[in-house]
Amino acid sequence: MMCVMTKRTPTGAAVLQPHVTQAITDAVFDELALHGYGRLSMEAVAKRAEVGKSALYRRWPSKQDMVVAALSEFSVPLAEVPDTGSLRGDLLATVTAVHDWLTHPRFATILPDLTAEAVRTPALSEAIAATIGEPRRALGAVTLRRAVDRGELPPDLDVEIALDLVAAPVYWRLSVRRAEVEPDYLERLVDHLLRALQC
């Protein structure tokens, strides 16, 4: 008689529970907002999330990995822009998404510290670029190539420069100048972007 072995579903510590991951992610943002990246610790995050440190280490091997994963999970989906059917509509959706990302109450609080820390810590800078910057730019490139396919942008469009051109004004105004964004600012910005990109 042949005995058939069945595979057991992992239990207990082997299962990464989504609600625990979310609690940890929320705690990461809270700790970043309160103490900054430099003073953030795995112990403090675990305490705030009301989990053991082992719950963190089962998910991420280090503080940097934990922080970058939390930021990526929040930041990358915000760059997904639906096809509005026109370049103008897509650009308006894109700059609005950048604006909403940079002004999000939690993210806006931690961005200045994180930017400064990335300058001091090349490994963190590289990790942020790889898991947040590049995926967001890849999504932006899809939007621009869609416009090329529609015939709204020239086939020889320099996508890399175009991506910088679209996002930079919003970042500069909000994060560098810290200037007010008037109700019609994004609309006016899109009008200028259309003229620049369609040359």
N, C-alpha and C. Protein backbone atom coordinates (compact mmCIF):
# COMPACT_ATOMS: atom_id res chain seq x y z
N MET A 1 0.86 -1.20 0.00
CA MET A 1 0.00 0.00 0.00
C MET A 1 0.90 1.25 0.00
N MET A 2 0.63 2.15 -0.94
CA MET A 2 1.47 3.34 -1.08
C MET A 2 0.92 4.47 -0.21
N CYS A 3 1.81 5.09 0.54
CA CYS A 3 1.44 6.23 1.39
C CYS A 3 1.67 7.53 0.62
N VAL A 4 0.64 8.32 0.48
CA VAL A 4 0.74 9.59 -0.23
C VAL A 4 0.99 10.71 0.77
N MET A 5 2.10 11.42 0.57
CA MET A 5 2.44 12.54 1.46
C MET A 5 1.77 13.82 0.95
N THR A 6 1.11 14.52 1.79
CA THR A 6 0.50 15.81 1.41
C THR A 6 1.32 16.94 2.00
N LYS A 7 1.39 18.02 1.24
CA LYS A 7 2.16 19.18 1.68
C LYS A 7 1.36 19.99 2.69
N ARG A 8 1.96 20.26 3.81
CA ARG A 8 1.28 21.06 4.84
C ARG A 8 1.45 22.54 4.58
N THR A 9 0.39 23.26 4.82
CA THR A 9 0.46 24.72 4.73
C THR A 9 1.27 25.24 5.91
N PRO A 10 2.23 26.15 5.66
CA PRO A 10 3.01 26.70 6.77
C PRO A 10 2.11 27.36 7.80
N THR A 11 2.47 27.22 9.05
CA THR A 11 1.66 27.83 10.10
C THR A 11 2.53 28.71 10.98
N GLY A 12 1.86 29.50 11.81
CA GLY A 12 2.58 30.31 12.79
C GLY A 12 3.55 31.28 12.18
N ALA A 13 4.80 31.21 12.61
CA ALA A 13 5.82 32.18 12.22
C ALA A 13 6.15 32.12 10.74
N ALA A 14 5.83 30.99 10.06
CA ALA A 14 6.18 30.86 8.64
C ALA A 14 5.26 31.68 7.74
N VAL A 15 4.12 32.12 8.26
CA VAL A 15 3.15 32.85 7.45
C VAL A 15 3.29 34.36 7.70
N LEU A 16 3.47 35.12 6.63
CA LEU A 16 3.55 36.58 6.77
C LEU A 16 2.15 37.15 6.66
N GLN A 17 1.60 37.57 7.76
CA GLN A 17 0.22 38.04 7.79
C GLN A 17 0.13 39.48 7.30
N PRO A 18 -0.73 39.73 6.30
CA PRO A 18 -0.82 41.07 5.71
C PRO A 18 -1.12 42.18 6.72
N HIS A 19 -1.99 41.90 7.69
CA HIS A 19 -2.34 42.97 8.65
C HIS A 19 -1.15 43.32 9.54
N VAL A 20 -0.27 42.35 9.78
CA VAL A 20 0.94 42.63 10.56
C VAL A 20 1.90 43.48 9.72
N THR A 21 2.04 43.10 8.44
CA THR A 21 2.90 43.87 7.54
C THR A 21 2.42 45.31 7.44
N GLN A 22 1.10 45.50 7.37
CA GLN A 22 0.55 46.86 7.29
C GLN A 22 0.81 47.64 8.57
N ALA A 23 0.66 46.98 9.71
CA ALA A 23 0.92 47.65 10.99
C ALA A 23 2.38 48.08 11.08
N ILE A 24 3.28 47.24 10.59
CA ILE A 24 4.70 47.58 10.60
C ILE A 24 4.97 48.75 9.67
N THR A 25 4.37 48.72 8.47
CA THR A 25 4.55 49.80 7.49
C THR A 25 4.08 51.13 8.07
N ASP A 26 2.91 51.11 8.72
CA ASP A 26 2.40 52.33 9.36
C ASP A 26 3.37 52.82 10.43
N ALA A 27 3.92 51.89 11.18
CA ALA A 27 4.86 52.25 12.24
C ALA A 27 6.14 52.85 11.66
N VAL A 28 6.58 52.32 10.52
CA VAL A 28 7.77 52.86 9.86
C VAL A 28 7.55 54.33 9.51
N PHE A 29 6.41 54.64 8.91
CA PHE A 29 6.11 56.03 8.54
C PHE A 29 6.02 56.92 9.78
N ASP A 30 5.38 56.42 10.82
CA ASP A 30 5.26 57.22 12.05
C ASP A 30 6.62 57.51 12.67
N GLU A 31 7.48 56.50 12.71
CA GLU A 31 8.81 56.67 13.29
C GLU A 31 9.68 57.60 12.43
N LEU A 32 9.57 57.47 11.12
CA LEU A 32 10.31 58.38 10.23
C LEU A 32 9.87 59.82 10.44
N ALA A 33 8.56 60.01 10.57
CA ALA A 33 8.04 61.37 10.76
C ALA A 33 8.49 61.95 12.09
N LEU A 34 8.56 61.13 13.13
CA LEU A 34 8.92 61.62 14.45
C LEU A 34 10.42 61.78 14.66
N HIS A 35 11.20 60.83 14.17
CA HIS A 35 12.61 60.79 14.51
C HIS A 35 13.57 60.88 13.33
N GLY A 36 13.08 60.72 12.10
CA GLY A 36 13.97 60.73 10.95
C GLY A 36 14.63 59.38 10.75
N TYR A 37 15.25 59.23 9.59
CA TYR A 37 15.86 57.95 9.24
C TYR A 37 17.02 57.59 10.16
N GLY A 38 17.85 58.56 10.46
CA GLY A 38 19.05 58.29 11.26
C GLY A 38 18.75 57.73 12.63
N ARG A 39 17.69 58.18 13.27
CA ARG A 39 17.35 57.74 14.63
C ARG A 39 16.29 56.65 14.66
N LEU A 40 15.80 56.25 13.49
CA LEU A 40 14.82 55.17 13.44
C LEU A 40 15.50 53.85 13.78
N SER A 41 14.83 53.01 14.57
CA SER A 41 15.39 51.71 14.92
C SER A 41 14.34 50.62 14.72
N MET A 42 14.83 49.42 14.48
CA MET A 42 13.92 48.28 14.34
C MET A 42 13.14 48.07 15.64
N GLU A 43 13.79 48.29 16.78
CA GLU A 43 13.13 48.12 18.08
C GLU A 43 11.94 49.06 18.22
N ALA A 44 12.14 50.33 17.84
CA ALA A 44 11.08 51.31 17.98
C ALA A 44 9.91 51.00 17.05
N VAL A 45 10.22 50.56 15.84
CA VAL A 45 9.16 50.20 14.89
C VAL A 45 8.37 49.01 15.42
N ALA A 46 9.07 48.00 15.93
CA ALA A 46 8.39 46.81 16.46
C ALA A 46 7.49 47.19 17.64
N LYS A 47 7.99 48.06 18.51
CA LYS A 47 7.19 48.47 19.67
C LYS A 47 5.94 49.22 19.24
N ARG A 48 6.11 50.15 18.28
CA ARG A 48 4.96 50.92 17.81
C ARG A 48 3.94 50.03 17.11
N ALA A 49 4.42 49.05 16.35
CA ALA A 49 3.52 48.14 15.63
C ALA A 49 2.95 47.05 16.52
N GLU A 50 3.47 46.98 17.76
CA GLU A 50 3.04 45.97 18.74
C GLU A 50 3.30 44.56 18.23
N VAL A 51 4.52 44.38 17.71
CA VAL A 51 4.96 43.06 17.26
C VAL A 51 6.37 42.82 17.79
N GLY A 52 6.82 41.58 17.73
CA GLY A 52 8.19 41.28 18.11
C GLY A 52 9.14 41.67 16.99
N LYS A 53 10.39 41.90 17.34
CA LYS A 53 11.40 42.25 16.33
C LYS A 53 11.53 41.16 15.26
N SER A 54 11.25 39.92 15.66
CA SER A 54 11.36 38.80 14.70
C SER A 54 10.39 38.98 13.54
N ALA A 55 9.24 39.65 13.79
CA ALA A 55 8.28 39.89 12.72
C ALA A 55 8.86 40.81 11.65
N LEU A 56 9.71 41.72 12.08
CA LEU A 56 10.37 42.62 11.12
C LEU A 56 11.44 41.87 10.35
N TYR A 57 12.26 41.12 11.07
CA TYR A 57 13.39 40.44 10.42
C TYR A 57 12.94 39.30 9.51
N ARG A 58 11.74 38.78 9.71
CA ARG A 58 11.21 37.78 8.78
C ARG A 58 10.89 38.42 7.44
N ARG A 59 10.65 39.72 7.46
CA ARG A 59 10.27 40.42 6.23
C ARG A 59 11.45 41.13 5.57
N TRP A 60 12.30 41.74 6.39
CA TRP A 60 13.41 42.54 5.84
C TRP A 60 14.68 42.28 6.67
N PRO A 61 15.82 42.18 6.01
CA PRO A 61 17.06 41.90 6.75
C PRO A 61 17.66 43.10 7.47
N SER A 62 17.21 44.31 7.12
CA SER A 62 17.82 45.49 7.73
C SER A 62 16.84 46.65 7.78
N LYS A 63 17.24 47.67 8.53
CA LYS A 63 16.43 48.89 8.61
C LYS A 63 16.25 49.51 7.23
N GLN A 64 17.33 49.60 6.48
CA GLN A 64 17.25 50.20 5.15
C GLN A 64 16.26 49.45 4.26
N ASP A 65 16.32 48.14 4.25
CA ASP A 65 15.40 47.35 3.43
C ASP A 65 13.95 47.58 3.86
N MET A 66 13.73 47.66 5.16
CA MET A 66 12.39 47.87 5.68
C MET A 66 11.85 49.24 5.24
N VAL A 67 12.65 50.27 5.41
CA VAL A 67 12.22 51.63 5.06
C VAL A 67 11.97 51.75 3.56
N VAL A 68 12.89 51.25 2.77
CA VAL A 68 12.75 51.36 1.32
C VAL A 68 11.53 50.59 0.83
N ALA A 69 11.28 49.42 1.41
CA ALA A 69 10.10 48.63 1.01
C ALA A 69 8.82 49.38 1.33
N ALA A 70 8.76 49.99 2.51
CA ALA A 70 7.56 50.75 2.90
C ALA A 70 7.35 51.94 1.98
N LEU A 71 8.41 52.65 1.68
CA LEU A 71 8.31 53.82 0.81
C LEU A 71 7.93 53.42 -0.61
N SER A 72 8.48 52.31 -1.09
CA SER A 72 8.18 51.85 -2.44
C SER A 72 6.72 51.44 -2.57
N GLU A 73 6.24 50.70 -1.57
CA GLU A 73 4.84 50.25 -1.60
C GLU A 73 3.88 51.43 -1.64
N PHE A 74 4.26 52.52 -0.99
CA PHE A 74 3.43 53.73 -1.00
C PHE A 74 3.61 54.53 -2.28
N SER A 75 4.85 54.71 -2.72
CA SER A 75 5.19 55.67 -3.77
C SER A 75 4.93 55.19 -5.20
N VAL A 76 5.26 53.95 -5.49
CA VAL A 76 5.19 53.49 -6.88
C VAL A 76 3.76 53.46 -7.41
N PRO A 77 2.78 52.93 -6.68
CA PRO A 77 1.41 52.93 -7.22
C PRO A 77 0.87 54.32 -7.54
N LEU A 78 1.36 55.34 -6.84
CA LEU A 78 0.88 56.70 -7.09
C LEU A 78 1.32 57.23 -8.45
N ALA A 79 2.30 56.56 -9.08
CA ALA A 79 2.77 56.99 -10.41
C ALA A 79 2.02 56.30 -11.54
N GLU A 80 1.09 55.42 -11.21
CA GLU A 80 0.31 54.73 -12.24
C GLU A 80 -0.79 55.67 -12.74
N VAL A 81 -0.65 56.12 -13.98
CA VAL A 81 -1.60 57.07 -14.55
C VAL A 81 -2.42 56.37 -15.62
N PRO A 82 -3.74 56.40 -15.52
CA PRO A 82 -4.57 55.75 -16.53
C PRO A 82 -4.51 56.48 -17.86
N ASP A 83 -4.83 55.79 -18.92
CA ASP A 83 -4.88 56.39 -20.25
C ASP A 83 -6.12 57.26 -20.34
N THR A 84 -5.92 58.57 -20.40
CA THR A 84 -7.07 59.50 -20.47
C THR A 84 -7.54 59.70 -21.91
N GLY A 85 -6.73 59.23 -22.88
CA GLY A 85 -7.10 59.38 -24.28
C GLY A 85 -6.42 60.54 -24.97
N SER A 86 -5.72 61.38 -24.19
CA SER A 86 -5.02 62.51 -24.80
C SER A 86 -3.75 62.82 -24.02
N LEU A 87 -2.77 63.41 -24.69
CA LEU A 87 -1.53 63.79 -24.03
C LEU A 87 -1.81 64.81 -22.93
N ARG A 88 -2.66 65.79 -23.22
CA ARG A 88 -2.94 66.80 -22.20
C ARG A 88 -3.55 66.18 -20.95
N GLY A 89 -4.51 65.29 -21.17
CA GLY A 89 -5.14 64.61 -20.04
C GLY A 89 -4.15 63.78 -19.25
N ASP A 90 -3.28 63.07 -19.98
CA ASP A 90 -2.27 62.23 -19.32
C ASP A 90 -1.28 63.08 -18.53
N LEU A 91 -0.85 64.21 -19.11
CA LEU A 91 0.09 65.08 -18.42
C LEU A 91 -0.54 65.69 -17.17
N LEU A 92 -1.79 66.09 -17.27
CA LEU A 92 -2.47 66.66 -16.11
C LEU A 92 -2.61 65.60 -15.00
N ALA A 93 -2.94 64.38 -15.40
CA ALA A 93 -3.03 63.30 -14.42
C ALA A 93 -1.67 63.02 -13.79
N THR A 94 -0.62 63.11 -14.59
CA THR A 94 0.73 62.84 -14.10
C THR A 94 1.20 63.90 -13.10
N VAL A 95 1.08 65.17 -13.47
CA VAL A 95 1.55 66.22 -12.55
C VAL A 95 0.67 66.28 -11.30
N THR A 96 -0.60 65.94 -11.44
CA THR A 96 -1.48 65.87 -10.27
C THR A 96 -1.03 64.75 -9.34
N ALA A 97 -0.64 63.62 -9.93
CA ALA A 97 -0.16 62.49 -9.12
C ALA A 97 1.14 62.85 -8.41
N VAL A 98 2.04 63.55 -9.10
CA VAL A 98 3.29 63.99 -8.46
C VAL A 98 2.98 64.95 -7.31
N HIS A 99 2.07 65.88 -7.57
CA HIS A 99 1.66 66.83 -6.53
C HIS A 99 1.09 66.10 -5.32
N ASP A 100 0.18 65.14 -5.56
CA ASP A 100 -0.45 64.41 -4.46
C ASP A 100 0.57 63.59 -3.67
N TRP A 101 1.56 63.05 -4.37
CA TRP A 101 2.63 62.27 -3.72
C TRP A 101 3.44 63.17 -2.80
N LEU A 102 3.87 64.31 -3.34
CA LEU A 102 4.75 65.20 -2.57
C LEU A 102 4.03 65.92 -1.44
N THR A 103 2.71 66.05 -1.53
CA THR A 103 1.96 66.76 -0.49
C THR A 103 1.22 65.81 0.45
N HIS A 104 1.37 64.51 0.24
CA HIS A 104 0.71 63.56 1.13
C HIS A 104 1.19 63.84 2.56
N PRO A 105 0.27 63.95 3.52
CA PRO A 105 0.65 64.36 4.88
C PRO A 105 1.80 63.57 5.48
N ARG A 106 1.82 62.26 5.27
CA ARG A 106 2.88 61.45 5.87
C ARG A 106 4.19 61.59 5.09
N PHE A 107 4.08 61.52 3.75
CA PHE A 107 5.29 61.53 2.94
C PHE A 107 5.96 62.91 2.96
N ALA A 108 5.16 63.96 2.91
CA ALA A 108 5.72 65.32 2.91
C ALA A 108 6.54 65.59 4.17
N THR A 109 6.15 64.98 5.26
CA THR A 109 6.84 65.18 6.53
C THR A 109 8.23 64.54 6.52
N ILE A 110 8.35 63.38 5.88
CA ILE A 110 9.61 62.64 5.94
C ILE A 110 10.54 62.92 4.75
N LEU A 111 10.01 63.51 3.68
CA LEU A 111 10.81 63.68 2.47
C LEU A 111 12.08 64.51 2.68
N PRO A 112 12.03 65.67 3.34
CA PRO A 112 13.27 66.46 3.49
C PRO A 112 14.38 65.68 4.21
N ASP A 113 14.03 65.00 5.31
CA ASP A 113 15.02 64.22 6.05
C ASP A 113 15.56 63.08 5.20
N LEU A 114 14.66 62.41 4.49
CA LEU A 114 15.07 61.27 3.68
C LEU A 114 15.99 61.71 2.54
N THR A 115 15.69 62.85 1.95
CA THR A 115 16.54 63.38 0.87
C THR A 115 17.94 63.69 1.39
N ALA A 116 18.01 64.32 2.56
CA ALA A 116 19.31 64.63 3.15
C ALA A 116 20.07 63.37 3.51
N GLU A 117 19.36 62.39 4.06
CA GLU A 117 20.01 61.13 4.45
C GLU A 117 20.53 60.38 3.22
N ALA A 118 19.80 60.44 2.12
CA ALA A 118 20.23 59.76 0.89
C ALA A 118 21.52 60.38 0.35
N VAL A 119 21.68 61.69 0.53
CA VAL A 119 22.92 62.35 0.11
C VAL A 119 24.10 61.85 0.94
N ARG A 120 23.86 61.64 2.24
CA ARG A 120 24.93 61.18 3.14
C ARG A 120 25.20 59.68 3.02
N THR A 121 24.22 58.94 2.54
CA THR A 121 24.32 57.47 2.54
C THR A 121 24.12 56.93 1.13
N PRO A 122 25.19 56.73 0.38
CA PRO A 122 25.07 56.27 -1.01
C PRO A 122 24.26 54.98 -1.17
N ALA A 123 24.39 54.04 -0.24
CA ALA A 123 23.65 52.78 -0.34
C ALA A 123 22.15 53.02 -0.28
N LEU A 124 21.73 53.94 0.60
CA LEU A 124 20.31 54.28 0.70
C LEU A 124 19.85 54.97 -0.58
N SER A 125 20.67 55.88 -1.09
CA SER A 125 20.34 56.58 -2.32
C SER A 125 20.14 55.60 -3.48
N GLU A 126 21.05 54.63 -3.58
CA GLU A 126 20.95 53.64 -4.66
C GLU A 126 19.71 52.77 -4.50
N ALA A 127 19.39 52.41 -3.27
CA ALA A 127 18.21 51.58 -3.02
C ALA A 127 16.92 52.32 -3.36
N ILE A 128 16.86 53.60 -3.00
CA ILE A 128 15.68 54.41 -3.31
C ILE A 128 15.53 54.56 -4.82
N ALA A 129 16.65 54.80 -5.51
CA ALA A 129 16.61 54.94 -6.96
C ALA A 129 16.11 53.65 -7.62
N ALA A 130 16.60 52.51 -7.13
CA ALA A 130 16.27 51.23 -7.75
C ALA A 130 14.83 50.80 -7.49
N THR A 131 14.32 51.07 -6.29
CA THR A 131 13.00 50.56 -5.93
C THR A 131 11.87 51.58 -6.02
N ILE A 132 12.23 52.86 -6.09
CA ILE A 132 11.20 53.90 -6.18
C ILE A 132 11.38 54.74 -7.44
N GLY A 133 12.57 55.33 -7.60
CA GLY A 133 12.80 56.22 -8.73
C GLY A 133 12.64 55.53 -10.08
N GLU A 134 13.33 54.41 -10.27
CA GLU A 134 13.26 53.74 -11.57
C GLU A 134 11.88 53.19 -11.90
N PRO A 135 11.19 52.53 -10.96
CA PRO A 135 9.83 52.08 -11.27
C PRO A 135 8.86 53.23 -11.58
N ARG A 136 8.99 54.34 -10.86
CA ARG A 136 8.12 55.49 -11.14
C ARG A 136 8.43 56.06 -12.53
N ARG A 137 9.70 56.14 -12.89
CA ARG A 137 10.07 56.65 -14.21
C ARG A 137 9.61 55.69 -15.31
N ALA A 138 9.66 54.40 -15.04
CA ALA A 138 9.19 53.42 -16.03
C ALA A 138 7.70 53.61 -16.30
N LEU A 139 6.94 53.89 -15.27
CA LEU A 139 5.50 54.15 -15.45
C LEU A 139 5.29 55.45 -16.22
N GLY A 140 6.10 56.45 -15.93
CA GLY A 140 6.00 57.71 -16.66
C GLY A 140 6.35 57.54 -18.13
N ALA A 141 7.33 56.68 -18.41
CA ALA A 141 7.74 56.43 -19.79
C ALA A 141 6.61 55.79 -20.58
N VAL A 142 5.83 54.94 -19.93
CA VAL A 142 4.68 54.32 -20.60
C VAL A 142 3.71 55.40 -21.08
N THR A 143 3.47 56.38 -20.23
CA THR A 143 2.57 57.48 -20.59
C THR A 143 3.09 58.26 -21.79
N LEU A 144 4.38 58.56 -21.80
CA LEU A 144 4.96 59.32 -22.91
C LEU A 144 4.97 58.52 -24.21
N ARG A 145 5.30 57.24 -24.12
CA ARG A 145 5.34 56.41 -25.34
C ARG A 145 3.94 56.21 -25.91
N ARG A 146 2.95 56.23 -25.03
CA ARG A 146 1.56 56.15 -25.47
C ARG A 146 1.23 57.36 -26.35
N ALA A 147 1.72 58.52 -25.93
CA ALA A 147 1.49 59.74 -26.71
C ALA A 147 2.24 59.70 -28.04
N VAL A 148 3.43 59.10 -28.04
CA VAL A 148 4.17 58.93 -29.30
C VAL A 148 3.38 58.04 -30.24
N ASP A 149 2.83 56.95 -29.71
CA ASP A 149 2.03 56.02 -30.54
C ASP A 149 0.79 56.69 -31.10
N ARG A 150 0.23 57.65 -30.35
CA ARG A 150 -0.95 58.38 -30.83
C ARG A 150 -0.58 59.43 -31.86
N GLY A 151 0.70 59.74 -31.99
CA GLY A 151 1.14 60.79 -32.89
C GLY A 151 1.13 62.16 -32.26
N GLU A 152 0.96 62.20 -30.93
CA GLU A 152 0.92 63.49 -30.23
C GLU A 152 2.31 63.99 -29.86
N LEU A 153 3.29 63.10 -29.84
CA LEU A 153 4.67 63.47 -29.57
C LEU A 153 5.56 62.89 -30.67
N PRO A 154 6.68 63.55 -30.96
CA PRO A 154 7.55 63.07 -32.04
C PRO A 154 8.17 61.71 -31.73
N PRO A 155 8.39 60.89 -32.75
CA PRO A 155 8.97 59.56 -32.54
C PRO A 155 10.37 59.59 -31.92
N ASP A 156 11.10 60.68 -32.14
CA ASP A 156 12.46 60.77 -31.61
C ASP A 156 12.51 61.48 -30.25
N LEU A 157 11.39 61.50 -29.56
CA LEU A 157 11.32 62.14 -28.25
C LEU A 157 12.41 61.58 -27.31
N ASP A 158 13.13 62.46 -26.65
CA ASP A 158 14.10 62.05 -25.63
C ASP A 158 13.32 61.80 -24.34
N VAL A 159 12.98 60.54 -24.10
CA VAL A 159 12.10 60.19 -22.99
C VAL A 159 12.72 60.54 -21.64
N GLU A 160 14.01 60.34 -21.50
CA GLU A 160 14.67 60.63 -20.22
C GLU A 160 14.56 62.11 -19.86
N ILE A 161 14.83 62.97 -20.82
CA ILE A 161 14.72 64.41 -20.56
C ILE A 161 13.27 64.80 -20.35
N ALA A 162 12.38 64.20 -21.12
CA ALA A 162 10.95 64.51 -20.99
C ALA A 162 10.45 64.15 -19.59
N LEU A 163 10.89 63.01 -19.06
CA LEU A 163 10.48 62.61 -17.71
C LEU A 163 10.94 63.62 -16.67
N ASP A 164 12.18 64.10 -16.82
CA ASP A 164 12.68 65.13 -15.90
C ASP A 164 11.85 66.40 -16.02
N LEU A 165 11.54 66.76 -17.24
CA LEU A 165 10.81 67.99 -17.51
C LEU A 165 9.41 67.98 -16.90
N VAL A 166 8.76 66.82 -16.92
CA VAL A 166 7.39 66.72 -16.42
C VAL A 166 7.35 66.80 -14.89
N ALA A 167 8.25 66.08 -14.23
CA ALA A 167 8.17 66.00 -12.76
C ALA A 167 8.88 67.14 -12.04
N ALA A 168 9.95 67.65 -12.63
CA ALA A 168 10.80 68.60 -11.91
C ALA A 168 10.09 69.88 -11.45
N PRO A 169 9.25 70.51 -12.27
CA PRO A 169 8.64 71.76 -11.81
C PRO A 169 7.82 71.62 -10.53
N VAL A 170 7.10 70.51 -10.41
CA VAL A 170 6.27 70.32 -9.21
C VAL A 170 7.16 70.12 -7.98
N TYR A 171 8.19 69.30 -8.16
CA TYR A 171 9.13 69.07 -7.04
C TYR A 171 9.81 70.37 -6.65
N TRP A 172 10.29 71.13 -7.64
CA TRP A 172 11.00 72.38 -7.37
C TRP A 172 10.11 73.36 -6.61
N ARG A 173 8.88 73.49 -7.07
CA ARG A 173 7.97 74.45 -6.45
C ARG A 173 7.62 74.06 -5.01
N LEU A 174 7.33 72.77 -4.80
CA LEU A 174 6.87 72.32 -3.49
C LEU A 174 8.02 72.09 -2.51
N SER A 175 9.05 71.38 -2.96
CA SER A 175 10.08 70.93 -2.03
C SER A 175 11.27 71.87 -1.91
N VAL A 176 11.57 72.60 -2.97
CA VAL A 176 12.72 73.51 -2.93
C VAL A 176 12.27 74.93 -2.61
N ARG A 177 11.37 75.46 -3.44
CA ARG A 177 10.89 76.82 -3.20
C ARG A 177 9.89 76.90 -2.04
N ARG A 178 9.20 75.79 -1.80
CA ARG A 178 8.12 75.74 -0.81
C ARG A 178 7.10 76.85 -1.07
N ALA A 179 6.78 76.98 -2.35
CA ALA A 179 5.83 78.01 -2.77
C ALA A 179 4.42 77.43 -2.84
N GLU A 180 3.47 78.31 -2.80
CA GLU A 180 2.07 77.90 -2.87
C GLU A 180 1.76 77.39 -4.28
N VAL A 181 0.92 76.38 -4.36
CA VAL A 181 0.43 75.88 -5.64
C VAL A 181 -0.99 76.41 -5.83
N GLU A 182 -1.12 77.41 -6.70
CA GLU A 182 -2.42 78.03 -6.91
C GLU A 182 -3.37 77.03 -7.59
N PRO A 183 -4.68 77.27 -7.49
CA PRO A 183 -5.65 76.33 -8.06
C PRO A 183 -5.42 76.01 -9.53
N ASP A 184 -4.92 76.99 -10.31
CA ASP A 184 -4.74 76.75 -11.74
C ASP A 184 -3.29 76.42 -12.12
N TYR A 185 -2.42 76.24 -11.11
CA TYR A 185 -0.99 76.04 -11.39
C TYR A 185 -0.74 74.81 -12.25
N LEU A 186 -1.32 73.69 -11.91
CA LEU A 186 -1.06 72.45 -12.65
C LEU A 186 -1.57 72.55 -14.08
N GLU A 187 -2.69 73.20 -14.28
CA GLU A 187 -3.22 73.39 -15.63
C GLU A 187 -2.26 74.25 -16.45
N ARG A 188 -1.77 75.34 -15.85
CA ARG A 188 -0.83 76.21 -16.56
C ARG A 188 0.49 75.49 -16.85
N LEU A 189 0.92 74.68 -15.89
CA LEU A 189 2.14 73.91 -16.09
C LEU A 189 1.99 72.96 -17.27
N VAL A 190 0.87 72.29 -17.35
CA VAL A 190 0.64 71.36 -18.46
C VAL A 190 0.67 72.09 -19.80
N ASP A 191 0.11 73.29 -19.86
CA ASP A 191 0.14 74.06 -21.11
C ASP A 191 1.59 74.33 -21.54
N HIS A 192 2.45 74.65 -20.59
CA HIS A 192 3.86 74.89 -20.90
C HIS A 192 4.55 73.58 -21.30
N LEU A 193 4.23 72.49 -20.60
CA LEU A 193 4.84 71.20 -20.93
C LEU A 193 4.46 70.76 -22.34
N LEU A 194 3.23 70.99 -22.71
CA LEU A 194 2.80 70.61 -24.06
C LEU A 194 3.62 71.33 -25.12
N ARG A 195 3.83 72.62 -24.92
CA ARG A 195 4.63 73.39 -25.88
C ARG A 195 6.06 72.89 -25.92
N ALA A 196 6.62 72.58 -24.75
CA ALA A 196 8.02 72.14 -24.71
C ALA A 196 8.20 70.75 -25.32
N LEU A 197 7.29 69.84 -25.05
CA LEU A 197 7.44 68.46 -25.50
C LEU A 197 7.12 68.28 -26.98
N GLN A 198 6.28 69.15 -27.52
CA GLN A 198 5.85 68.98 -28.90
C GLN A 198 6.73 69.72 -29.90
N CYS A 199 7.82 70.32 -29.43
CA CYS A 199 8.73 71.04 -30.33
C CYS A 199 9.33 70.08 -31.35
